[in-house]
C-alpha atoms as a PDB file:
ATOM      1  CA  MET A   1      -5.822 -12.248  -7.246  1.00  0.00           C
ATOM      2  CA  HIS A   2      -3.557 -14.458  -9.306  1.00  0.00           C
ATOM      3  CA  PRO A   3      -0.404 -15.717  -7.545  1.00  0.00           C
ATOM      4  CA  THR A   4       1.652 -15.302 -10.722  1.00  0.00           C
ATOM      5  CA  LEU A   5       0.813 -11.589 -10.825  1.00  0.00           C
ATOM      6  CA  LEU A   6       1.688 -11.239  -7.159  1.00  0.00           C
ATOM      7  CA  LYS A   7       5.029 -12.983  -7.632  1.00  0.00           C
ATOM      8  CA  SER A   8       5.906 -10.824 -10.644  1.00  0.00           C
ATOM      9  CA  ALA A   9       4.871  -7.625  -8.862  1.00  0.00           C
ATOM     10  CA  SER A  10       6.956  -8.536  -5.814  1.00  0.00           C
ATOM     11  CA  ALA A  11       9.967  -8.745  -8.134  1.00  0.00           C
ATOM     12  CA  VAL A  12       9.340  -5.104  -9.119  1.00  0.00           C
ATOM     13  CA  ILE A  13       8.646  -3.858  -5.559  1.00  0.00           C
ATOM     14  CA  PRO A  14      10.425  -6.297  -3.219  1.00  0.00           C
ATOM     15  CA  ASP A  15       9.217  -4.675   0.022  1.00  0.00           C
ATOM     16  CA  THR A  16       5.951  -6.500   0.776  1.00  0.00           C
ATOM     17  CA  PRO A  17       4.282  -3.840   2.977  1.00  0.00           C
ATOM     18  CA  LEU A  18       5.123  -1.189   0.392  1.00  0.00           C
ATOM     19  CA  LEU A  19       3.690  -3.321  -2.424  1.00  0.00           C
ATOM     20  CA  ILE A  20       0.521  -3.866  -0.405  1.00  0.00           C
ATOM     21  CA  ASN A  21       0.081  -0.130   0.145  1.00  0.00           C
ATOM     22  CA  VAL A  22       0.732   0.741  -3.514  1.00  0.00           C
ATOM     23  CA  VAL A  23      -1.814  -1.838  -4.679  1.00  0.00           C
ATOM     24  CA  ARG A  24      -4.311  -0.840  -1.965  1.00  0.00           C
ATOM     25  CA  GLN A  25      -4.226   2.817  -2.948  1.00  0.00           C
ATOM     26  CA  ARG A  26      -4.545   1.990  -6.642  1.00  0.00           C
ATOM     27  CA  VAL A  27      -7.507  -0.329  -5.995  1.00  0.00           C
ATOM     28  CA  ARG A  28      -9.216   2.523  -4.132  1.00  0.00           C
ATOM     29  CA  GLN A  29      -8.690   4.770  -7.133  1.00  0.00           C
ATOM     30  CA  LEU A  30     -10.053   2.155  -9.527  1.00  0.00           C
ATOM     31  CA  ILE A  31     -13.121   1.613  -7.354  1.00  0.00           C
ATOM     32  CA  ARG A  32     -13.771   5.364  -7.400  1.00  0.00           C
ATOM     33  CA  GLY A  33     -13.811   5.345 -11.196  1.00  0.00           C
ATOM     34  CA  HIS A  34     -10.256   6.069 -12.329  1.00  0.00           C
ATOM     35  CA  ARG A  35      -9.301   4.448 -15.609  1.00  0.00           C
ATOM     36  CA  PRO A  36      -6.741   1.629 -15.744  1.00  0.00           C
ATOM     37  CA  LEU A  37      -3.276   2.575 -16.978  1.00  0.00           C
ATOM     38  CA  ILE A  38      -3.073  -0.659 -18.988  1.00  0.00           C
ATOM     39  CA  ALA A  39      -5.421  -2.428 -21.372  1.00  0.00           C
ATOM     40  CA  ALA A  40      -7.425  -4.590 -18.988  1.00  0.00           C
ATOM     41  CA  PRO A  41      -9.691  -7.328 -20.315  1.00  0.00           C
ATOM     42  CA  PRO A  42     -13.304  -7.264 -19.134  1.00  0.00           C
ATOM     43  CA  GLY A  43     -13.900  -9.131 -15.901  1.00  0.00           C
ATOM     44  CA  MET A  44     -10.386  -8.580 -14.542  1.00  0.00           C
ATOM     45  CA  GLY A  45     -10.503  -7.675 -10.853  1.00  0.00           C
ATOM     46  CA  PHE A  46      -9.278  -4.352  -9.493  1.00  0.00           C
ATOM     47  CA  CYS A  47      -6.442  -6.002  -7.590  1.00  0.00           C
ATOM     48  CA  ASP A  48      -5.270  -7.836 -10.699  1.00  0.00           C
ATOM     49  CA  VAL A  49      -5.357  -4.590 -12.669  1.00  0.00           C
ATOM     50  CA  ALA A  50      -3.286  -2.829  -9.999  1.00  0.00           C
ATOM     51  CA  LEU A  51      -0.746  -5.670  -9.879  1.00  0.00           C
ATOM     52  CA  SER A  52      -0.527  -5.669 -13.690  1.00  0.00           C
ATOM     53  CA  GLU A  53       0.129  -1.922 -13.626  1.00  0.00           C
ATOM     54  CA  VAL A  54       2.995  -2.464 -11.176  1.00  0.00           C
ATOM     55  CA  ILE A  55       4.435  -5.217 -13.383  1.00  0.00           C
ATOM     56  CA  ALA A  56       4.143  -3.009 -16.504  1.00  0.00           C
ATOM     57  CA  GLY A  57       6.029  -0.210 -14.732  1.00  0.00           C
ATOM     58  CA  LYS A  58       3.058   2.163 -14.777  1.00  0.00           C
ATOM     59  CA  LEU A  59       2.965   2.388 -10.965  1.00  0.00           C
ATOM     60  CA  SER A  60       5.950   3.144  -8.801  1.00  0.00           C
ATOM     61  CA  PHE A  61       6.745   4.755  -5.484  1.00  0.00           C
ATOM     62  CA  GLU A  62       9.146   7.291  -4.140  1.00  0.00           C
ATOM     63  CA  ALA A  63      10.467   7.701  -0.647  1.00  0.00           C
ATOM     64  CA  VAL A  64       9.690  10.862   1.263  1.00  0.00           C
ATOM     65  CA  PRO A  65      12.959  12.796   1.641  1.00  0.00           C
ATOM     66  CA  GLY A  66      14.134  13.447   5.174  1.00  0.00           C
ATOM     67  CA  VAL A  67      11.839  10.909   6.851  1.00  0.00           C
ATOM     68  CA  LYS A  68      13.427   7.898   8.455  1.00  0.00           C
ATOM     69  CA  PRO A  69      11.273   4.758   8.679  1.00  0.00           C
ATOM     70  CA  ASP A  70      12.076   4.267  12.372  1.00  0.00           C
ATOM     71  CA  SER A  71      11.230   7.824  13.445  1.00  0.00           C
ATOM     72  CA  SER A  72       7.957   8.216  11.561  1.00  0.00           C
ATOM     73  CA  PHE A  73       5.783   7.852  14.643  1.00  0.00           C
ATOM     74  CA  ALA A  74       5.672  10.329  17.477  1.00  0.00           C
ATOM     75  CA  PRO A  75       5.893   8.895  20.983  1.00  0.00           C
ATOM     76  CA  ILE A  76       2.680   8.716  23.007  1.00  0.00           C
ATOM     77  CA  VAL A  77       2.715  11.232  25.824  1.00  0.00           C
ATOM     78  CA  THR A  78       0.244  11.058  28.685  1.00  0.00           C
ATOM     79  CA  PHE A  79      -1.680  14.181  29.546  1.00  0.00           C
ATOM     80  CA  PRO A  80      -0.541  15.806  32.819  1.00  0.00           C
ATOM     81  CA  GLY A  81      -2.929  15.066  35.623  1.00  0.00           C
ATOM     82  CA  ALA A  82      -4.528  12.132  33.842  1.00  0.00           C
ATOM     83  CA  PRO A  83      -5.438   9.120  35.939  1.00  0.00           C
ATOM     84  CA  PRO A  84      -2.963   6.250  35.746  1.00  0.00           C
ATOM     85  CA  GLU A  85      -3.711   3.576  33.191  1.00  0.00           C
ATOM     86  CA  LYS A  86      -5.514   0.485  34.422  1.00  0.00           C
ATOM     87  CA  LYS A  87      -3.733  -2.806  34.092  1.00  0.00           C
ATOM     88  CA  ALA A  88      -5.373  -5.626  32.201  1.00  0.00           C
ATOM     89  CA  ALA A  89      -7.083  -8.242  34.312  1.00  0.00           C
END
């Protein structure tokens, strides 16, 4: 992965965890045989291709409507009658 590509892609998607997930999903697709959305020279790595696609504007993201980032996880509820959790030693 080239740092210049990473820096340019982070200018397009400034949220680092979101950029990581977009690139991760695209790399999975490329590994499974999907074609690149840009003209990629031979020998270019999957991660570099995905970052180049973000820079070229071929990949983007959209927020899920009605879902707040803070409330995306359900609280963990213990099962009634379950034994109490053991404390770490």
